Amino acid sequence: MSSVSSFSPLVASLHVAIGGAVGAVLRYQTGRAMTAWLGAPAMSVFPWATLAVNALGSLLMGMLAGWLARHGNVGSEQLRLLLGVGLLGGFTTFSAFSLEMVLLIERGQFVIAGLYAILSFALGISALLFGLVVMRNFA
């Protein structure tokens, strides 16, 4: 069971869904816990919870990718889907971005990595601003 084709798309999707649900709840609870710890005023000045989730998610994605690269065999695809795509994807999509950036850099694809970083940031912010403008003015 080391590839997606060895189990059904439904089972693969369930792995992602279960992990994603847990990751989303953990993200929400992290924000609540940090607000209780630092107080609402500190949280309104800087997005501490998002920063913490992104940093922790990236650390965990690196650890998972390293572990799977070293020890992955039977069941590793299920773990990748459950923990990487699902849990960490629900916890933070920044962890996937971080993994993809490091893989591009490790392959020596520096121009593509730079382009990916710039486009991800610029398109993400631009798309959010466009969505806000559309909804504020036309909806």
N, C-alpha and C. Protein backbone atom coordinates (compact mmCIF):
# COMPACT_ATOMS: atom_id res chain seq x y z
N MET A 1 0.82 -1.19 0.00
CA MET A 1 0.00 0.00 0.00
C MET A 1 0.86 1.25 0.00
N SER A 2 1.80 1.33 -0.86
CA SER A 2 2.68 2.48 -0.87
C SER A 2 2.31 3.50 -1.92
N SER A 3 1.21 3.30 -2.64
CA SER A 3 0.79 4.28 -3.62
C SER A 3 -0.70 4.52 -3.54
N VAL A 4 -1.12 5.64 -4.12
CA VAL A 4 -2.53 6.00 -4.09
C VAL A 4 -3.37 4.93 -4.77
N SER A 5 -2.86 4.32 -5.82
CA SER A 5 -3.62 3.35 -6.59
C SER A 5 -3.91 2.07 -5.80
N SER A 6 -3.26 1.85 -4.67
CA SER A 6 -3.48 0.63 -3.92
C SER A 6 -4.70 0.69 -3.01
N PHE A 7 -5.32 1.84 -2.90
CA PHE A 7 -6.58 1.93 -2.19
C PHE A 7 -7.49 2.91 -2.90
N SER A 8 -8.76 2.82 -2.63
CA SER A 8 -9.75 3.55 -3.41
C SER A 8 -9.67 5.06 -3.19
N PRO A 9 -10.15 5.83 -4.16
CA PRO A 9 -10.22 7.29 -3.99
C PRO A 9 -11.08 7.69 -2.78
N LEU A 10 -12.11 6.89 -2.48
CA LEU A 10 -12.94 7.19 -1.32
C LEU A 10 -12.15 7.05 -0.03
N VAL A 11 -11.37 5.99 0.09
CA VAL A 11 -10.55 5.79 1.29
C VAL A 11 -9.50 6.89 1.39
N ALA A 12 -8.88 7.25 0.27
CA ALA A 12 -7.90 8.34 0.27
C ALA A 12 -8.56 9.65 0.71
N SER A 13 -9.74 9.91 0.19
CA SER A 13 -10.47 11.13 0.54
C SER A 13 -10.85 11.15 2.02
N LEU A 14 -11.21 9.98 2.56
CA LEU A 14 -11.54 9.91 3.98
C LEU A 14 -10.33 10.20 4.85
N HIS A 15 -9.16 9.73 4.44
CA HIS A 15 -7.93 10.05 5.17
C HIS A 15 -7.73 11.57 5.21
N VAL A 16 -7.88 12.22 4.06
CA VAL A 16 -7.70 13.67 3.98
C VAL A 16 -8.77 14.38 4.81
N ALA A 17 -10.02 13.94 4.71
CA ALA A 17 -11.12 14.59 5.42
C ALA A 17 -10.96 14.49 6.94
N ILE A 18 -10.61 13.33 7.42
CA ILE A 18 -10.44 13.14 8.86
C ILE A 18 -9.29 14.00 9.37
N GLY A 19 -8.16 13.92 8.67
CA GLY A 19 -7.01 14.75 9.07
C GLY A 19 -7.33 16.23 8.99
N GLY A 20 -8.02 16.63 7.93
CA GLY A 20 -8.36 18.04 7.75
C GLY A 20 -9.28 18.55 8.84
N ALA A 21 -10.24 17.75 9.24
CA ALA A 21 -11.14 18.15 10.32
C ALA A 21 -10.38 18.36 11.62
N VAL A 22 -9.50 17.44 11.93
CA VAL A 22 -8.70 17.57 13.16
C VAL A 22 -7.79 18.79 13.07
N GLY A 23 -7.15 18.99 11.91
CA GLY A 23 -6.26 20.14 11.73
C GLY A 23 -6.99 21.46 11.87
N ALA A 24 -8.19 21.56 11.31
CA ALA A 24 -8.96 22.80 11.40
C ALA A 24 -9.35 23.10 12.84
N VAL A 25 -9.75 22.07 13.57
CA VAL A 25 -10.10 22.27 14.98
C VAL A 25 -8.86 22.68 15.78
N LEU A 26 -7.72 22.07 15.50
CA LEU A 26 -6.48 22.45 16.20
C LEU A 26 -6.09 23.89 15.90
N ARG A 27 -6.28 24.33 14.67
CA ARG A 27 -5.98 25.72 14.32
C ARG A 27 -6.87 26.66 15.11
N TYR A 28 -8.15 26.38 15.13
CA TYR A 28 -9.11 27.20 15.87
C TYR A 28 -8.77 27.24 17.36
N GLN A 29 -8.48 26.09 17.93
CA GLN A 29 -8.17 26.02 19.36
C GLN A 29 -6.83 26.70 19.68
N THR A 30 -5.89 26.66 18.75
CA THR A 30 -4.63 27.38 18.94
C THR A 30 -4.90 28.87 19.05
N GLY A 31 -5.74 29.40 18.19
CA GLY A 31 -6.10 30.81 18.25
C GLY A 31 -6.78 31.17 19.55
N ARG A 32 -7.68 30.33 20.00
CA ARG A 32 -8.37 30.58 21.28
C ARG A 32 -7.38 30.54 22.45
N ALA A 33 -6.50 29.55 22.44
CA ALA A 33 -5.53 29.41 23.53
C ALA A 33 -4.56 30.59 23.56
N MET A 34 -4.12 31.03 22.39
CA MET A 34 -3.19 32.16 22.35
C MET A 34 -3.88 33.46 22.77
N THR A 35 -5.15 33.61 22.44
CA THR A 35 -5.89 34.79 22.88
C THR A 35 -6.04 34.78 24.40
N ALA A 36 -6.31 33.61 24.96
CA ALA A 36 -6.41 33.50 26.42
C ALA A 36 -5.06 33.78 27.08
N TRP A 37 -3.98 33.33 26.45
CA TRP A 37 -2.64 33.48 27.01
C TRP A 37 -2.13 34.91 26.87
N LEU A 38 -2.21 35.48 25.67
CA LEU A 38 -1.64 36.80 25.41
C LEU A 38 -2.63 37.94 25.63
N GLY A 39 -3.91 37.63 25.58
CA GLY A 39 -4.94 38.65 25.71
C GLY A 39 -5.36 39.19 24.36
N ALA A 40 -6.61 39.61 24.29
CA ALA A 40 -7.17 40.12 23.04
C ALA A 40 -6.41 41.33 22.50
N PRO A 41 -5.97 42.27 23.35
CA PRO A 41 -5.24 43.43 22.80
C PRO A 41 -3.97 43.04 22.03
N ALA A 42 -3.20 42.10 22.57
CA ALA A 42 -1.97 41.66 21.88
C ALA A 42 -2.32 40.96 20.58
N MET A 43 -3.40 40.22 20.57
CA MET A 43 -3.79 39.49 19.37
C MET A 43 -4.31 40.42 18.28
N SER A 44 -4.83 41.58 18.69
CA SER A 44 -5.34 42.52 17.68
C SER A 44 -4.23 43.36 17.06
N VAL A 45 -3.06 43.39 17.71
CA VAL A 45 -1.93 44.17 17.19
C VAL A 45 -1.13 43.38 16.15
N PHE A 46 -1.03 42.07 16.34
CA PHE A 46 -0.21 41.23 15.46
C PHE A 46 -0.86 39.85 15.37
N PRO A 47 -0.85 39.22 14.19
CA PRO A 47 -1.48 37.90 14.06
C PRO A 47 -0.63 36.77 14.63
N TRP A 48 -0.49 36.77 15.94
CA TRP A 48 0.37 35.80 16.62
C TRP A 48 -0.06 34.36 16.37
N ALA A 49 -1.36 34.11 16.41
CA ALA A 49 -1.84 32.73 16.24
C ALA A 49 -1.52 32.21 14.84
N THR A 50 -1.73 33.04 13.82
CA THR A 50 -1.43 32.62 12.45
C THR A 50 0.06 32.36 12.29
N LEU A 51 0.88 33.23 12.84
CA LEU A 51 2.33 33.04 12.77
C LEU A 51 2.73 31.74 13.46
N ALA A 52 2.17 31.49 14.64
CA ALA A 52 2.51 30.27 15.38
C ALA A 52 2.06 29.02 14.62
N VAL A 53 0.85 29.05 14.09
CA VAL A 53 0.33 27.91 13.35
C VAL A 53 1.17 27.66 12.10
N ASN A 54 1.52 28.71 11.38
CA ASN A 54 2.32 28.55 10.17
C ASN A 54 3.71 28.00 10.48
N ALA A 55 4.34 28.52 11.52
CA ALA A 55 5.68 28.05 11.89
C ALA A 55 5.62 26.60 12.37
N LEU A 56 4.68 26.29 13.25
CA LEU A 56 4.56 24.93 13.77
C LEU A 56 4.17 23.96 12.65
N GLY A 57 3.24 24.36 11.81
CA GLY A 57 2.84 23.50 10.70
C GLY A 57 3.99 23.22 9.75
N SER A 58 4.80 24.22 9.49
CA SER A 58 5.96 24.03 8.62
C SER A 58 6.98 23.09 9.27
N LEU A 59 7.21 23.25 10.55
CA LEU A 59 8.11 22.35 11.27
C LEU A 59 7.60 20.92 11.19
N LEU A 60 6.33 20.73 11.46
CA LEU A 60 5.76 19.38 11.43
C LEU A 60 5.76 18.80 10.02
N MET A 61 5.52 19.64 9.01
CA MET A 61 5.56 19.15 7.62
C MET A 61 6.98 18.69 7.27
N GLY A 62 7.98 19.44 7.71
CA GLY A 62 9.35 19.03 7.48
C GLY A 62 9.69 17.72 8.16
N MET A 63 9.22 17.58 9.39
CA MET A 63 9.47 16.34 10.13
C MET A 63 8.77 15.16 9.46
N LEU A 64 7.52 15.38 9.02
CA LEU A 64 6.79 14.31 8.35
C LEU A 64 7.45 13.92 7.04
N ALA A 65 7.82 14.91 6.23
CA ALA A 65 8.45 14.63 4.95
C ALA A 65 9.78 13.90 5.15
N GLY A 66 10.55 14.33 6.14
CA GLY A 66 11.82 13.66 6.43
C GLY A 66 11.63 12.24 6.91
N TRP A 67 10.64 12.04 7.78
CA TRP A 67 10.36 10.69 8.28
C TRP A 67 9.89 9.78 7.16
N LEU A 68 8.97 10.29 6.32
CA LEU A 68 8.48 9.47 5.22
C LEU A 68 9.58 9.14 4.21
N ALA A 69 10.48 10.10 3.97
CA ALA A 69 11.58 9.86 3.05
C ALA A 69 12.53 8.79 3.59
N ARG A 70 12.69 8.76 4.90
CA ARG A 70 13.63 7.82 5.50
C ARG A 70 13.00 6.46 5.81
N HIS A 71 11.74 6.49 6.27
CA HIS A 71 11.12 5.25 6.74
C HIS A 71 9.87 4.84 5.97
N GLY A 72 9.47 5.64 4.99
CA GLY A 72 8.23 5.37 4.29
C GLY A 72 8.23 4.03 3.57
N ASN A 73 7.18 3.29 3.74
CA ASN A 73 6.99 2.02 3.05
C ASN A 73 5.50 1.72 3.10
N VAL A 74 5.12 0.54 3.51
CA VAL A 74 3.71 0.18 3.59
C VAL A 74 2.99 1.16 4.53
N GLY A 75 1.94 1.75 4.03
CA GLY A 75 1.17 2.67 4.85
C GLY A 75 1.63 4.11 4.77
N SER A 76 2.74 4.38 4.11
CA SER A 76 3.25 5.75 4.10
C SER A 76 2.34 6.70 3.31
N GLU A 77 1.68 6.20 2.28
CA GLU A 77 0.76 7.06 1.52
C GLU A 77 -0.44 7.45 2.37
N GLN A 78 -0.93 6.51 3.17
CA GLN A 78 -2.03 6.84 4.07
C GLN A 78 -1.59 7.89 5.10
N LEU A 79 -0.38 7.75 5.61
CA LEU A 79 0.13 8.74 6.56
C LEU A 79 0.31 10.10 5.90
N ARG A 80 0.82 10.11 4.68
CA ARG A 80 1.00 11.37 3.95
C ARG A 80 -0.34 12.07 3.74
N LEU A 81 -1.35 11.29 3.35
CA LEU A 81 -2.68 11.87 3.13
C LEU A 81 -3.32 12.32 4.43
N LEU A 82 -3.27 11.47 5.46
CA LEU A 82 -3.89 11.79 6.74
C LEU A 82 -3.21 12.96 7.44
N LEU A 83 -1.89 12.89 7.55
CA LEU A 83 -1.14 13.89 8.32
C LEU A 83 -0.68 15.08 7.50
N GLY A 84 -0.14 14.84 6.31
CA GLY A 84 0.39 15.93 5.50
C GLY A 84 -0.69 16.73 4.81
N VAL A 85 -1.46 16.05 3.95
CA VAL A 85 -2.51 16.74 3.19
C VAL A 85 -3.66 17.12 4.11
N GLY A 86 -4.10 16.19 4.95
CA GLY A 86 -5.26 16.42 5.80
C GLY A 86 -4.97 17.28 7.02
N LEU A 87 -4.31 16.69 8.02
CA LEU A 87 -4.10 17.38 9.29
C LEU A 87 -3.34 18.69 9.12
N LEU A 88 -2.17 18.65 8.50
CA LEU A 88 -1.38 19.87 8.35
C LEU A 88 -2.01 20.81 7.33
N GLY A 89 -2.70 20.26 6.32
CA GLY A 89 -3.42 21.10 5.38
C GLY A 89 -4.57 21.84 6.04
N GLY A 90 -5.25 21.17 6.96
CA GLY A 90 -6.33 21.82 7.71
C GLY A 90 -5.79 22.76 8.77
N PHE A 91 -4.63 22.45 9.29
CA PHE A 91 -4.00 23.28 10.32
C PHE A 91 -3.42 24.54 9.69
N THR A 92 -2.71 24.38 8.57
CA THR A 92 -2.14 25.51 7.85
C THR A 92 -1.74 25.09 6.45
N THR A 93 -2.16 25.85 5.45
CA THR A 93 -1.71 25.57 4.09
C THR A 93 -0.30 26.09 3.87
N PHE A 94 0.18 26.91 4.78
CA PHE A 94 1.54 27.44 4.65
C PHE A 94 2.57 26.33 4.74
N SER A 95 2.24 25.27 5.45
CA SER A 95 3.18 24.15 5.57
C SER A 95 3.40 23.49 4.21
N ALA A 96 2.37 23.38 3.40
CA ALA A 96 2.52 22.82 2.05
C ALA A 96 3.37 23.75 1.19
N PHE A 97 3.12 25.04 1.28
CA PHE A 97 3.93 26.02 0.55
C PHE A 97 5.40 25.90 0.96
N SER A 98 5.66 25.80 2.25
CA SER A 98 7.03 25.68 2.74
C SER A 98 7.71 24.43 2.20
N LEU A 99 6.99 23.30 2.21
CA LEU A 99 7.56 22.06 1.70
C LEU A 99 7.88 22.19 0.22
N GLU A 100 6.95 22.74 -0.56
CA GLU A 100 7.18 22.89 -2.00
C GLU A 100 8.37 23.82 -2.27
N MET A 101 8.50 24.89 -1.51
CA MET A 101 9.62 25.81 -1.68
C MET A 101 10.95 25.10 -1.42
N VAL A 102 11.03 24.35 -0.33
CA VAL A 102 12.27 23.65 0.00
C VAL A 102 12.60 22.61 -1.05
N LEU A 103 11.60 21.90 -1.55
CA LEU A 103 11.86 20.91 -2.60
C LEU A 103 12.41 21.58 -3.86
N LEU A 104 11.86 22.71 -4.25
CA LEU A 104 12.38 23.44 -5.41
C LEU A 104 13.82 23.90 -5.17
N ILE A 105 14.09 24.40 -3.98
CA ILE A 105 15.44 24.86 -3.64
C ILE A 105 16.42 23.69 -3.62
N GLU A 106 16.02 22.57 -3.01
CA GLU A 106 16.89 21.39 -2.97
C GLU A 106 17.20 20.86 -4.37
N ARG A 107 16.28 21.03 -5.30
CA ARG A 107 16.50 20.59 -6.68
C ARG A 107 17.32 21.60 -7.47
N GLY A 108 17.68 22.72 -6.83
CA GLY A 108 18.45 23.75 -7.51
C GLY A 108 17.61 24.62 -8.43
N GLN A 109 16.32 24.57 -8.29
CA GLN A 109 15.42 25.36 -9.13
C GLN A 109 15.14 26.71 -8.46
N PHE A 110 16.19 27.51 -8.33
CA PHE A 110 16.11 28.75 -7.57
C PHE A 110 15.20 29.79 -8.23
N VAL A 111 15.26 29.88 -9.53
CA VAL A 111 14.42 30.86 -10.24
C VAL A 111 12.95 30.49 -10.09
N ILE A 112 12.65 29.20 -10.25
CA ILE A 112 11.27 28.76 -10.10
C ILE A 112 10.81 28.95 -8.65
N ALA A 113 11.68 28.67 -7.69
CA ALA A 113 11.33 28.87 -6.28
C ALA A 113 11.04 30.34 -6.01
N GLY A 114 11.87 31.22 -6.51
CA GLY A 114 11.64 32.65 -6.33
C GLY A 114 10.36 33.11 -6.98
N LEU A 115 10.12 32.62 -8.19
CA LEU A 115 8.89 32.97 -8.90
C LEU A 115 7.68 32.45 -8.15
N TYR A 116 7.77 31.23 -7.65
CA TYR A 116 6.67 30.64 -6.89
C TYR A 116 6.38 31.46 -5.63
N ALA A 117 7.42 31.87 -4.93
CA ALA A 117 7.23 32.67 -3.71
C ALA A 117 6.59 34.02 -4.03
N ILE A 118 7.11 34.69 -5.03
CA ILE A 118 6.58 36.01 -5.40
C ILE A 118 5.13 35.89 -5.88
N LEU A 119 4.88 34.92 -6.77
CA LEU A 119 3.53 34.76 -7.28
C LEU A 119 2.54 34.34 -6.19
N SER A 120 2.96 33.45 -5.31
CA SER A 120 2.08 33.01 -4.22
C SER A 120 1.67 34.19 -3.36
N PHE A 121 2.65 35.00 -2.99
CA PHE A 121 2.37 36.16 -2.16
C PHE A 121 1.52 37.18 -2.92
N ALA A 122 1.97 37.56 -4.10
CA ALA A 122 1.29 38.61 -4.86
C ALA A 122 -0.12 38.19 -5.28
N LEU A 123 -0.26 36.97 -5.80
CA LEU A 123 -1.58 36.52 -6.23
C LEU A 123 -2.52 36.30 -5.04
N GLY A 124 -1.98 35.77 -3.96
CA GLY A 124 -2.81 35.55 -2.78
C GLY A 124 -3.36 36.85 -2.22
N ILE A 125 -2.49 37.83 -2.04
CA ILE A 125 -2.93 39.13 -1.51
C ILE A 125 -3.84 39.83 -2.51
N SER A 126 -3.47 39.81 -3.78
CA SER A 126 -4.29 40.46 -4.81
C SER A 126 -5.67 39.83 -4.92
N ALA A 127 -5.73 38.51 -4.90
CA ALA A 127 -7.01 37.82 -4.99
C ALA A 127 -7.89 38.14 -3.78
N LEU A 128 -7.29 38.18 -2.61
CA LEU A 128 -8.06 38.53 -1.42
C LEU A 128 -8.60 39.95 -1.53
N LEU A 129 -7.75 40.89 -1.93
CA LEU A 129 -8.21 42.27 -2.09
C LEU A 129 -9.30 42.38 -3.14
N PHE A 130 -9.16 41.70 -4.26
CA PHE A 130 -10.17 41.71 -5.31
C PHE A 130 -11.50 41.17 -4.78
N GLY A 131 -11.44 40.06 -4.06
CA GLY A 131 -12.64 39.48 -3.47
C GLY A 131 -13.32 40.43 -2.51
N LEU A 132 -12.53 41.12 -1.69
CA LEU A 132 -13.10 42.10 -0.76
C LEU A 132 -13.79 43.24 -1.51
N VAL A 133 -13.13 43.76 -2.53
CA VAL A 133 -13.69 44.86 -3.30
C VAL A 133 -15.00 44.43 -3.97
N VAL A 134 -14.99 43.25 -4.57
CA VAL A 134 -16.20 42.76 -5.26
C VAL A 134 -17.35 42.63 -4.26
N MET A 135 -17.08 42.00 -3.15
CA MET A 135 -18.15 41.74 -2.18
C MET A 135 -18.60 43.03 -1.48
N ARG A 136 -17.70 43.94 -1.22
CA ARG A 136 -18.06 45.20 -0.57
C ARG A 136 -18.85 46.11 -1.49
N ASN A 137 -18.58 46.05 -2.80
CA ASN A 137 -19.18 47.00 -3.73
C ASN A 137 -20.31 46.43 -4.59
N PHE A 138 -20.35 45.13 -4.77
CA PHE A 138 -21.30 44.57 -5.73
C PHE A 138 -22.21 43.50 -5.16
N ALA A 139 -22.00 43.08 -3.96
CA ALA A 139 -22.82 41.99 -3.42
C ALA A 139 -23.87 42.50 -2.45
